[in-house]
Amino acid sequence: MKKKEKEIIINEKKYEIIENDRDCLDIEELLEKATDYFYDYDYIFGDYAYEKLRLKGYYDSKNKKAKKINDIKYLEDYKKNYCSYGSKTFLIKKVD
């Protein structure tokens, strides 16, 4: 993972870019797709499949809402099982 590159604001919430594989993060596209559905999550993961952005929300492992399907410690399993091989990905984390 790359070190902190910059922060972005999505609907008045600040996020830190944790990972930005091959500089794939298109902030304008993310702003269009990051609806209020993602407000509750600690992380937003994005991957590009067939040139389309897919988003998935994750909780920090310490968050009481975390389950295996949305616990950040299982992100690598998700990438391995549900992302196309070699797809570009990014991960952003909500900053308190």
PDB file of N, CA and C in Angstrom:
ATOM      1  N   MET A   1       0.839  -1.188   0.000  1.00  0.00           N
ATOM      2  CA  MET A   1       0.000   0.000   0.000  1.00  0.00           C
ATOM      3  C   MET A   1       0.877   1.243   0.000  1.00  0.00           C
ATOM      4  N   LYS A   2       0.406   2.229  -0.699  1.00  0.00           N
ATOM      5  CA  LYS A   2       1.128   3.486  -0.726  1.00  0.00           C
ATOM      6  C   LYS A   2       0.882   4.254   0.559  1.00  0.00           C
ATOM      7  N   LYS A   3       1.799   5.108   0.896  1.00  0.00           N
ATOM      8  CA  LYS A   3       1.611   5.984   2.047  1.00  0.00           C
ATOM      9  C   LYS A   3       0.559   7.033   1.701  1.00  0.00           C
ATOM     10  N   LYS A   4       0.122   7.766   2.711  1.00  0.00           N
ATOM     11  CA  LYS A   4      -0.899   8.788   2.534  1.00  0.00           C
ATOM     12  C   LYS A   4      -0.519   9.748   1.412  1.00  0.00           C
ATOM     13  N   GLU A   5      -1.364   9.834   0.399  1.00  0.00           N
ATOM     14  CA  GLU A   5      -1.113  10.715  -0.733  1.00  0.00           C
ATOM     15  C   GLU A   5      -1.839  12.039  -0.548  1.00  0.00           C
ATOM     16  N   LYS A   6      -3.127  11.943  -0.245  1.00  0.00           N
ATOM     17  CA  LYS A   6      -3.921  13.143  -0.050  1.00  0.00           C
ATOM     18  C   LYS A   6      -5.267  12.769   0.551  1.00  0.00           C
ATOM     19  N   GLU A   7      -6.040  13.783   0.806  1.00  0.00           N
ATOM     20  CA  GLU A   7      -7.374  13.573   1.346  1.00  0.00           C
ATOM     21  C   GLU A   7      -8.391  14.100   0.351  1.00  0.00           C
ATOM     22  N   ILE A   8      -9.582  13.527   0.411  1.00  0.00           N
ATOM     23  CA  ILE A   8     -10.679  14.003  -0.429  1.00  0.00           C
ATOM     24  C   ILE A   8     -11.909  14.182   0.446  1.00  0.00           C
ATOM     25  N   ILE A   9     -12.816  15.029   0.009  1.00  0.00           N
ATOM     26  CA  ILE A   9     -14.063  15.287   0.728  1.00  0.00           C
ATOM     27  C   ILE A   9     -15.211  14.716  -0.093  1.00  0.00           C
ATOM     28  N   ILE A  10     -16.017  13.887   0.548  1.00  0.00           N
ATOM     29  CA  ILE A  10     -17.213  13.329  -0.082  1.00  0.00           C
ATOM     30  C   ILE A  10     -18.387  13.698   0.801  1.00  0.00           C
ATOM     31  N   ASN A  11     -19.242  14.556   0.289  1.00  0.00           N
ATOM     32  CA  ASN A  11     -20.421  15.006   1.041  1.00  0.00           C
ATOM     33  C   ASN A  11     -20.064  15.411   2.469  1.00  0.00           C
ATOM     34  N   GLU A  12     -19.119  16.311   2.580  1.00  0.00           N
ATOM     35  CA  GLU A  12     -18.684  16.910   3.844  1.00  0.00           C
ATOM     36  C   GLU A  12     -17.973  15.945   4.781  1.00  0.00           C
ATOM     37  N   LYS A  13     -17.620  14.770   4.301  1.00  0.00           N
ATOM     38  CA  LYS A  13     -16.855  13.808   5.104  1.00  0.00           C
ATOM     39  C   LYS A  13     -15.467  13.681   4.484  1.00  0.00           C
ATOM     40  N   LYS A  14     -14.451  13.692   5.342  1.00  0.00           N
ATOM     41  CA  LYS A  14     -13.076  13.649   4.876  1.00  0.00           C
ATOM     42  C   LYS A  14     -12.584  12.213   4.829  1.00  0.00           C
ATOM     43  N   TYR A  15     -11.905  11.874   3.733  1.00  0.00           N
ATOM     44  CA  TYR A  15     -11.343  10.542   3.535  1.00  0.00           C
ATOM     45  C   TYR A  15      -9.869  10.659   3.182  1.00  0.00           C
ATOM     46  N   GLU A  16      -9.099   9.709   3.666  1.00  0.00           N
ATOM     47  CA  GLU A  16      -7.685   9.595   3.358  1.00  0.00           C
ATOM     48  C   GLU A  16      -7.522   8.500   2.313  1.00  0.00           C
ATOM     49  N   ILE A  17      -6.719   8.751   1.301  1.00  0.00           N
ATOM     50  CA  ILE A  17      -6.455   7.734   0.294  1.00  0.00           C
ATOM     51  C   ILE A  17      -5.380   6.807   0.840  1.00  0.00           C
ATOM     52  N   ILE A  18      -5.744   5.549   1.064  1.00  0.00           N
ATOM     53  CA  ILE A  18      -4.845   4.543   1.629  1.00  0.00           C
ATOM     54  C   ILE A  18      -4.109   3.810   0.512  1.00  0.00           C
ATOM     55  N   GLU A  19      -4.842   3.461  -0.530  1.00  0.00           N
ATOM     56  CA  GLU A  19      -4.284   2.707  -1.655  1.00  0.00           C
ATOM     57  C   GLU A  19      -4.862   3.281  -2.937  1.00  0.00           C
ATOM     58  N   ASN A  20      -4.010   3.429  -3.946  1.00  0.00           N
ATOM     59  CA  ASN A  20      -4.455   3.933  -5.238  1.00  0.00           C
ATOM     60  C   ASN A  20      -3.622   3.234  -6.308  1.00  0.00           C
ATOM     61  N   ASP A  21      -4.003   2.006  -6.610  1.00  0.00           N
ATOM     62  CA  ASP A  21      -3.264   1.147  -7.529  1.00  0.00           C
ATOM     63  C   ASP A  21      -3.157   1.771  -8.916  1.00  0.00           C
ATOM     64  N   ARG A  22      -1.943   1.972  -9.364  1.00  0.00           N
ATOM     65  CA  ARG A  22      -1.667   2.528 -10.690  1.00  0.00           C
ATOM     66  C   ARG A  22      -2.400   3.843 -10.935  1.00  0.00           C
ATOM     67  N   ASP A  23      -2.571   4.607  -9.852  1.00  0.00           N
ATOM     68  CA  ASP A  23      -3.191   5.929  -9.921  1.00  0.00           C
ATOM     69  C   ASP A  23      -4.558   5.877 -10.612  1.00  0.00           C
ATOM     70  N   CYS A  24      -5.357   4.867 -10.244  1.00  0.00           N
ATOM     71  CA  CYS A  24      -6.634   4.622 -10.930  1.00  0.00           C
ATOM     72  C   CYS A  24      -7.798   5.455 -10.410  1.00  0.00           C
ATOM     73  N   LEU A  25      -7.671   6.016  -9.224  1.00  0.00           N
ATOM     74  CA  LEU A  25      -8.800   6.704  -8.598  1.00  0.00           C
ATOM     75  C   LEU A  25      -9.213   7.934  -9.405  1.00  0.00           C
ATOM     76  N   ASP A  26     -10.439   7.897  -9.897  1.00  0.00           N
ATOM     77  CA  ASP A  26     -11.042   9.025 -10.602  1.00  0.00           C
ATOM     78  C   ASP A  26     -11.987   9.684  -9.602  1.00  0.00           C
ATOM     79  N   ILE A  27     -11.559  10.788  -9.025  1.00  0.00           N
ATOM     80  CA  ILE A  27     -12.313  11.417  -7.943  1.00  0.00           C
ATOM     81  C   ILE A  27     -13.698  11.859  -8.404  1.00  0.00           C
ATOM     82  N   GLU A  28     -13.816  12.383  -9.600  1.00  0.00           N
ATOM     83  CA  GLU A  28     -15.136  12.804 -10.109  1.00  0.00           C
ATOM     84  C   GLU A  28     -16.096  11.626 -10.196  1.00  0.00           C
ATOM     85  N   GLU A  29     -15.621  10.505 -10.699  1.00  0.00           N
ATOM     86  CA  GLU A  29     -16.472   9.318 -10.797  1.00  0.00           C
ATOM     87  C   GLU A  29     -16.843   8.806  -9.405  1.00  0.00           C
ATOM     88  N   LEU A  30     -15.882   8.830  -8.490  1.00  0.00           N
ATOM     89  CA  LEU A  30     -16.157   8.410  -7.114  1.00  0.00           C
ATOM     90  C   LEU A  30     -17.231   9.292  -6.488  1.00  0.00           C
ATOM     91  N   LEU A  31     -17.134  10.606  -6.674  1.00  0.00           N
ATOM     92  CA  LEU A  31     -18.118  11.521  -6.106  1.00  0.00           C
ATOM     93  C   LEU A  31     -19.522  11.261  -6.652  1.00  0.00           C
ATOM     94  N   GLU A  32     -19.610  10.845  -7.903  1.00  0.00           N
ATOM     95  CA  GLU A  32     -20.910  10.519  -8.497  1.00  0.00           C
ATOM     96  C   GLU A  32     -21.508   9.257  -7.893  1.00  0.00           C
ATOM     97  N   LYS A  33     -20.674   8.271  -7.578  1.00  0.00           N
ATOM     98  CA  LYS A  33     -21.157   6.962  -7.137  1.00  0.00           C
ATOM     99  C   LYS A  33     -21.246   6.796  -5.619  1.00  0.00           C
ATOM    100  N   ALA A  34     -20.523   7.592  -4.872  1.00  0.00           N
ATOM    101  CA  ALA A  34     -20.489   7.441  -3.410  1.00  0.00           C
ATOM    102  C   ALA A  34     -21.726   8.106  -2.801  1.00  0.00           C
ATOM    103  N   THR A  35     -22.803   7.375  -2.772  1.00  0.00           N
ATOM    104  CA  THR A  35     -24.070   7.878  -2.235  1.00  0.00           C
ATOM    105  C   THR A  35     -24.065   7.808  -0.712  1.00  0.00           C
ATOM    106  N   ASP A  36     -25.160   8.226  -0.123  1.00  0.00           N
ATOM    107  CA  ASP A  36     -25.280   8.194   1.338  1.00  0.00           C
ATOM    108  C   ASP A  36     -25.240   6.766   1.898  1.00  0.00           C
ATOM    109  N   TYR A  37     -25.390   5.772   1.063  1.00  0.00           N
ATOM    110  CA  TYR A  37     -25.267   4.378   1.481  1.00  0.00           C
ATOM    111  C   TYR A  37     -23.910   4.130   2.154  1.00  0.00           C
ATOM    112  N   PHE A  38     -22.884   4.809   1.701  1.00  0.00           N
ATOM    113  CA  PHE A  38     -21.526   4.578   2.188  1.00  0.00           C
ATOM    114  C   PHE A  38     -21.158   5.417   3.412  1.00  0.00           C
ATOM    115  N   TYR A  39     -22.006   6.317   3.847  1.00  0.00           N
ATOM    116  CA  TYR A  39     -21.680   7.223   4.958  1.00  0.00           C
ATOM    117  C   TYR A  39     -21.292   6.490   6.231  1.00  0.00           C
ATOM    118  N   ASP A  40     -21.922   5.381   6.486  1.00  0.00           N
ATOM    119  CA  ASP A  40     -21.714   4.660   7.741  1.00  0.00           C
ATOM    120  C   ASP A  40     -20.402   3.868   7.767  1.00  0.00           C
ATOM    121  N   TYR A  41     -19.874   3.539   6.623  1.00  0.00           N
ATOM    122  CA  TYR A  41     -18.682   2.689   6.549  1.00  0.00           C
ATOM    123  C   TYR A  41     -17.408   3.461   6.875  1.00  0.00           C
ATOM    124  N   ASP A  42     -16.439   2.746   7.439  1.00  0.00           N
ATOM    125  CA  ASP A  42     -15.137   3.333   7.774  1.00  0.00           C
ATOM    126  C   ASP A  42     -14.233   3.410   6.545  1.00  0.00           C
ATOM    127  N   TYR A  43     -14.449   2.529   5.579  1.00  0.00           N
ATOM    128  CA  TYR A  43     -13.636   2.457   4.363  1.00  0.00           C
ATOM    129  C   TYR A  43     -14.544   2.314   3.150  1.00  0.00           C
ATOM    130  N   ILE A  44     -14.059   2.811   2.021  1.00  0.00           N
ATOM    131  CA  ILE A  44     -14.705   2.545   0.741  1.00  0.00           C
ATOM    132  C   ILE A  44     -13.636   1.957  -0.166  1.00  0.00           C
ATOM    133  N   PHE A  45     -13.932   0.780  -0.695  1.00  0.00           N
ATOM    134  CA  PHE A  45     -13.029   0.101  -1.614  1.00  0.00           C
ATOM    135  C   PHE A  45     -13.622   0.214  -3.011  1.00  0.00           C
ATOM    136  N   GLY A  46     -12.777   0.491  -3.975  1.00  0.00           N
ATOM    137  CA  GLY A  46     -13.233   0.571  -5.358  1.00  0.00           C
ATOM    138  C   GLY A  46     -12.380  -0.288  -6.263  1.00  0.00           C
ATOM    139  N   ASP A  47     -13.035  -0.927  -7.228  1.00  0.00           N
ATOM    140  CA  ASP A  47     -12.286  -1.662  -8.251  1.00  0.00           C
ATOM    141  C   ASP A  47     -12.941  -1.404  -9.596  1.00  0.00           C
ATOM    142  N   TYR A  48     -12.127  -1.490 -10.617  1.00  0.00           N
ATOM    143  CA  TYR A  48     -12.596  -1.261 -11.981  1.00  0.00           C
ATOM    144  C   TYR A  48     -12.703  -2.597 -12.695  1.00  0.00           C
ATOM    145  N   ALA A  49     -13.929  -2.971 -13.036  1.00  0.00           N
ATOM    146  CA  ALA A  49     -14.202  -4.204 -13.764  1.00  0.00           C
ATOM    147  C   ALA A  49     -14.835  -3.808 -15.090  1.00  0.00           C
ATOM    148  N   TYR A  50     -14.203  -4.201 -16.175  1.00  0.00           N
ATOM    149  CA  TYR A  50     -14.701  -3.882 -17.507  1.00  0.00           C
ATOM    150  C   TYR A  50     -14.931  -2.374 -17.660  1.00  0.00           C
ATOM    151  N   GLU A  51     -13.951  -1.605 -17.170  1.00  0.00           N
ATOM    152  CA  GLU A  51     -13.954  -0.140 -17.269  1.00  0.00           C
ATOM    153  C   GLU A  51     -15.070   0.529 -16.459  1.00  0.00           C
ATOM    154  N   LYS A  52     -15.702  -0.220 -15.554  1.00  0.00           N
ATOM    155  CA  LYS A  52     -16.746   0.352 -14.697  1.00  0.00           C
ATOM    156  C   LYS A  52     -16.291   0.292 -13.251  1.00  0.00           C
ATOM    157  N   LEU A  53     -16.579   1.352 -12.520  1.00  0.00           N
ATOM    158  CA  LEU A  53     -16.217   1.429 -11.110  1.00  0.00           C
ATOM    159  C   LEU A  53     -17.251   0.710 -10.256  1.00  0.00           C
ATOM    160  N   ARG A  54     -16.752  -0.184  -9.398  1.00  0.00           N
ATOM    161  CA  ARG A  54     -17.604  -0.848  -8.404  1.00  0.00           C
ATOM    162  C   ARG A  54     -17.105  -0.409  -7.037  1.00  0.00           C
ATOM    163  N   LEU A  55     -18.037  -0.150  -6.115  1.00  0.00           N
ATOM    164  CA  LEU A  55     -17.680   0.277  -4.765  1.00  0.00           C
ATOM    165  C   LEU A  55     -18.215  -0.714  -3.746  1.00  0.00           C
ATOM    166  N   LYS A  56     -17.494  -0.853  -2.641  1.00  0.00           N
ATOM    167  CA  LYS A  56     -17.923  -1.713  -1.531  1.00  0.00           C
ATOM    168  C   LYS A  56     -17.493  -1.043  -0.241  1.00  0.00           C
ATOM    169  N   GLY A  57     -18.382  -1.013   0.734  1.00  0.00           N
ATOM    170  CA  GLY A  57     -18.086  -0.420   2.032  1.00  0.00           C
ATOM    171  C   GLY A  57     -17.549  -1.455   3.009  1.00  0.00           C
ATOM    172  N   TYR A  58     -16.626  -1.009   3.858  1.00  0.00           N
ATOM    173  CA  TYR A  58     -16.036  -1.869   4.888  1.00  0.00           C
ATOM    174  C   TYR A  58     -15.991  -1.136   6.219  1.00  0.00           C
ATOM    175  N   TYR A  59     -16.067  -1.921   7.288  1.00  0.00           N
ATOM    176  CA  TYR A  59     -15.903  -1.390   8.641  1.00  0.00           C
ATOM    177  C   TYR A  59     -14.534  -1.762   9.177  1.00  0.00           C
ATOM    178  N   ASP A  60     -14.030  -0.952  10.068  1.00  0.00           N
ATOM    179  CA  ASP A  60     -12.827  -1.292  10.815  1.00  0.00           C
ATOM    180  C   ASP A  60     -13.159  -2.533  11.648  1.00  0.00           C
ATOM    181  N   SER A  61     -12.190  -3.386  11.853  1.00  0.00           N
ATOM    182  CA  SER A  61     -12.418  -4.638  12.596  1.00  0.00           C
ATOM    183  C   SER A  61     -12.942  -4.390  14.001  1.00  0.00           C
ATOM    184  N   LYS A  62     -12.633  -3.245  14.581  1.00  0.00           N
ATOM    185  CA  LYS A  62     -13.078  -2.924  15.944  1.00  0.00           C
ATOM    186  C   LYS A  62     -14.513  -2.404  15.987  1.00  0.00           C
ATOM    187  N   ASN A  63     -15.066  -2.073  14.835  1.00  0.00           N
ATOM    188  CA  ASN A  63     -16.424  -1.548  14.759  1.00  0.00           C
ATOM    189  C   ASN A  63     -17.411  -2.676  15.060  1.00  0.00           C
ATOM    190  N   LYS A  64     -18.367  -2.419  15.944  1.00  0.00           N
ATOM    191  CA  LYS A  64     -19.321  -3.462  16.325  1.00  0.00           C
ATOM    192  C   LYS A  64     -20.226  -3.898  15.171  1.00  0.00           C
ATOM    193  N   LYS A  65     -20.296  -3.117  14.113  1.00  0.00           N
ATOM    194  CA  LYS A  65     -21.112  -3.475  12.949  1.00  0.00           C
ATOM    195  C   LYS A  65     -20.379  -4.406  11.984  1.00  0.00           C
ATOM    196  N   ALA A  66     -19.098  -4.609  12.207  1.00  0.00           N
ATOM    197  CA  ALA A  66     -18.290  -5.425  11.285  1.00  0.00           C
ATOM    198  C   ALA A  66     -18.704  -6.890  11.333  1.00  0.00           C
ATOM    199  N   LYS A  67     -18.892  -7.443  10.150  1.00  0.00           N
ATOM    200  CA  LYS A  67     -19.150  -8.872   9.972  1.00  0.00           C
ATOM    201  C   LYS A  67     -18.138  -9.347   8.935  1.00  0.00           C
ATOM    202  N   LYS A  68     -18.015 -10.615   8.736  1.00  0.00           N
ATOM    203  CA  LYS A  68     -17.011 -11.116   7.802  1.00  0.00           C
ATOM    204  C   LYS A  68     -17.167 -10.497   6.410  1.00  0.00           C
ATOM    205  N   ILE A  69     -18.375 -10.263   5.985  1.00  0.00           N
ATOM    206  CA  ILE A  69     -18.620  -9.735   4.647  1.00  0.00           C
ATOM    207  C   ILE A  69     -18.172  -8.279   4.489  1.00  0.00           C
ATOM    208  N   ASN A  70     -18.064  -7.522   5.604  1.00  0.00           N
ATOM    209  CA  ASN A  70     -17.705  -6.110   5.484  1.00  0.00           C
ATOM    210  C   ASN A  70     -16.624  -5.677   6.484  1.00  0.00           C
ATOM    211  N   ASP A  71     -15.846  -6.625   6.982  1.00  0.00           N
ATOM    212  CA  ASP A  71     -14.730  -6.346   7.888  1.00  0.00           C
ATOM    213  C   ASP A  71     -13.476  -6.118   7.044  1.00  0.00           C
ATOM    214  N   ILE A  72     -12.797  -5.019   7.265  1.00  0.00           N
ATOM    215  CA  ILE A  72     -11.651  -4.650   6.446  1.00  0.00           C
ATOM    216  C   ILE A  72     -10.548  -5.709   6.468  1.00  0.00           C
ATOM    217  N   LYS A  73     -10.472  -6.508   7.513  1.00  0.00           N
ATOM    218  CA  LYS A  73      -9.408  -7.522   7.552  1.00  0.00           C
ATOM    219  C   LYS A  73      -9.615  -8.622   6.502  1.00  0.00           C
ATOM    220  N   TYR A  74     -10.802  -8.682   5.910  1.00  0.00           N
ATOM    221  CA  TYR A  74     -11.078  -9.672   4.865  1.00  0.00           C
ATOM    222  C   TYR A  74     -11.038  -9.059   3.459  1.00  0.00           C
ATOM    223  N   LEU A  75     -10.507  -7.852   3.343  1.00  0.00           N
ATOM    224  CA  LEU A  75     -10.442  -7.197   2.037  1.00  0.00           C
ATOM    225  C   LEU A  75      -9.648  -8.010   1.020  1.00  0.00           C
ATOM    226  N   GLU A  76      -8.525  -8.579   1.427  1.00  0.00           N
ATOM    227  CA  GLU A  76      -7.713  -9.359   0.481  1.00  0.00           C
ATOM    228  C   GLU A  76      -8.475 -10.570  -0.040  1.00  0.00           C
ATOM    229  N   ASP A  77      -9.298 -11.193   0.811  1.00  0.00           N
ATOM    230  CA  ASP A  77     -10.136 -12.306   0.362  1.00  0.00           C
ATOM    231  C   ASP A  77     -11.123 -11.837  -0.705  1.00  0.00           C
ATOM    232  N   TYR A  78     -11.710 -10.665  -0.490  1.00  0.00           N
ATOM    233  CA  TYR A  78     -12.655 -10.112  -1.463  1.00  0.00           C
ATOM    234  C   TYR A  78     -11.949  -9.860  -2.791  1.00  0.00           C
ATOM    235  N   LYS A  79     -10.776  -9.239  -2.731  1.00  0.00           N
ATOM    236  CA  LYS A  79     -10.027  -8.963  -3.959  1.00  0.00           C
ATOM    237  C   LYS A  79      -9.741 -10.257  -4.721  1.00  0.00           C
ATOM    238  N   LYS A  80      -9.319 -11.267  -3.985  1.00  0.00           N
ATOM    239  CA  LYS A  80      -8.957 -12.548  -4.599  1.00  0.00           C
ATOM    240  C   LYS A  80     -10.164 -13.251  -5.218  1.00  0.00           C
ATOM    241  N   ASN A  81     -11.304 -13.192  -4.540  1.00  0.00           N
ATOM    242  CA  ASN A  81     -12.477 -13.955  -4.970  1.00  0.00           C
ATOM    243  C   ASN A  81     -13.460 -13.205  -5.864  1.00  0.00           C
ATOM    244  N   TYR A  82     -13.477 -11.878  -5.794  1.00  0.00           N
ATOM    245  CA  TYR A  82     -14.521 -11.136  -6.501  1.00  0.00           C
ATOM    246  C   TYR A  82     -14.020 -10.071  -7.472  1.00  0.00           C
ATOM    247  N   CYS A  83     -12.740  -9.795  -7.482  1.00  0.00           N
ATOM    248  CA  CYS A  83     -12.198  -8.801  -8.407  1.00  0.00           C
ATOM    249  C   CYS A  83     -11.503  -9.513  -9.562  1.00  0.00           C
ATOM    250  N   SER A  84     -11.591  -8.918 -10.718  1.00  0.00           N
ATOM    251  CA  SER A  84     -10.906  -9.480 -11.881  1.00  0.00           C
ATOM    252  C   SER A  84      -9.406  -9.461 -11.642  1.00  0.00           C
ATOM    253  N   TYR A  85      -8.724 -10.482 -12.121  1.00  0.00           N
ATOM    254  CA  TYR A  85      -7.280 -10.564 -11.971  1.00  0.00           C
ATOM    255  C   TYR A  85      -6.633  -9.343 -12.607  1.00  0.00           C
ATOM    256  N   GLY A  86      -5.787  -8.665 -11.843  1.00  0.00           N
ATOM    257  CA  GLY A  86      -5.074  -7.506 -12.348  1.00  0.00           C
ATOM    258  C   GLY A  86      -5.885  -6.227 -12.413  1.00  0.00           C
ATOM    259  N   SER A  87      -7.098  -6.255 -11.853  1.00  0.00           N
ATOM    260  CA  SER A  87      -7.917  -5.039 -11.907  1.00  0.00           C
ATOM    261  C   SER A  87      -7.303  -3.948 -11.034  1.00  0.00           C
ATOM    262  N   LYS A  88      -7.545  -2.724 -11.427  1.00  0.00           N
ATOM    263  CA  LYS A  88      -7.068  -1.580 -10.662  1.00  0.00           C
ATOM    264  C   LYS A  88      -8.002  -1.364  -9.489  1.00  0.00           C
ATOM    265  N   THR A  89      -7.432  -1.037  -8.337  1.00  0.00           N
ATOM    266  CA  THR A  89      -8.223  -0.875  -7.126  1.00  0.00           C
ATOM    267  C   THR A  89      -7.752   0.348  -6.342  1.00  0.00           C
ATOM    268  N   PHE A  90      -8.639   0.802  -5.448  1.00  0.00           N
ATOM    269  CA  PHE A  90      -8.261   1.858  -4.511  1.00  0.00           C
ATOM    270  C   PHE A  90      -9.004   1.638  -3.197  1.00  0.00           C
ATOM    271  N   LEU A  91      -8.480   2.235  -2.149  1.00  0.00           N
ATOM    272  CA  LEU A  91      -9.089   2.148  -0.824  1.00  0.00           C
ATOM    273  C   LEU A  91      -8.960   3.502  -0.164  1.00  0.00           C
ATOM    274  N   ILE A  92     -10.096   4.008   0.348  1.00  0.00           N
ATOM    275  CA  ILE A  92     -10.073   5.259   1.093  1.00  0.00           C
ATOM    276  C   ILE A  92     -10.652   5.003   2.485  1.00  0.00           C
ATOM    277  N   LYS A  93     -10.165   5.758   3.452  1.00  0.00           N
ATOM    278  CA  LYS A  93     -10.579   5.605   4.854  1.00  0.00           C
ATOM    279  C   LYS A  93     -11.138   6.917   5.373  1.00  0.00           C
ATOM    280  N   LYS A  94     -12.265   6.822   6.067  1.00  0.00           N
ATOM    281  CA  LYS A  94     -12.876   7.996   6.660  1.00  0.00           C
ATOM    282  C   LYS A  94     -11.984   8.518   7.780  1.00  0.00           C
ATOM    283  N   VAL A  95     -11.781   9.818   7.792  1.00  0.00           N
ATOM    284  CA  VAL A  95     -10.978  10.461   8.820  1.00  0.00           C
ATOM    285  C   VAL A  95     -11.943  11.089   9.813  1.00  0.00           C
ATOM    286  N   ASP A  96     -11.743  10.805  11.088  1.00  0.00           N
ATOM    287  CA  ASP A  96     -12.654  11.357  12.126  1.00  0.00           C
ATOM    288  C   ASP A  96     -12.491  12.848  12.277  1.00  0.00           C
TER     289      ASP A  96
END
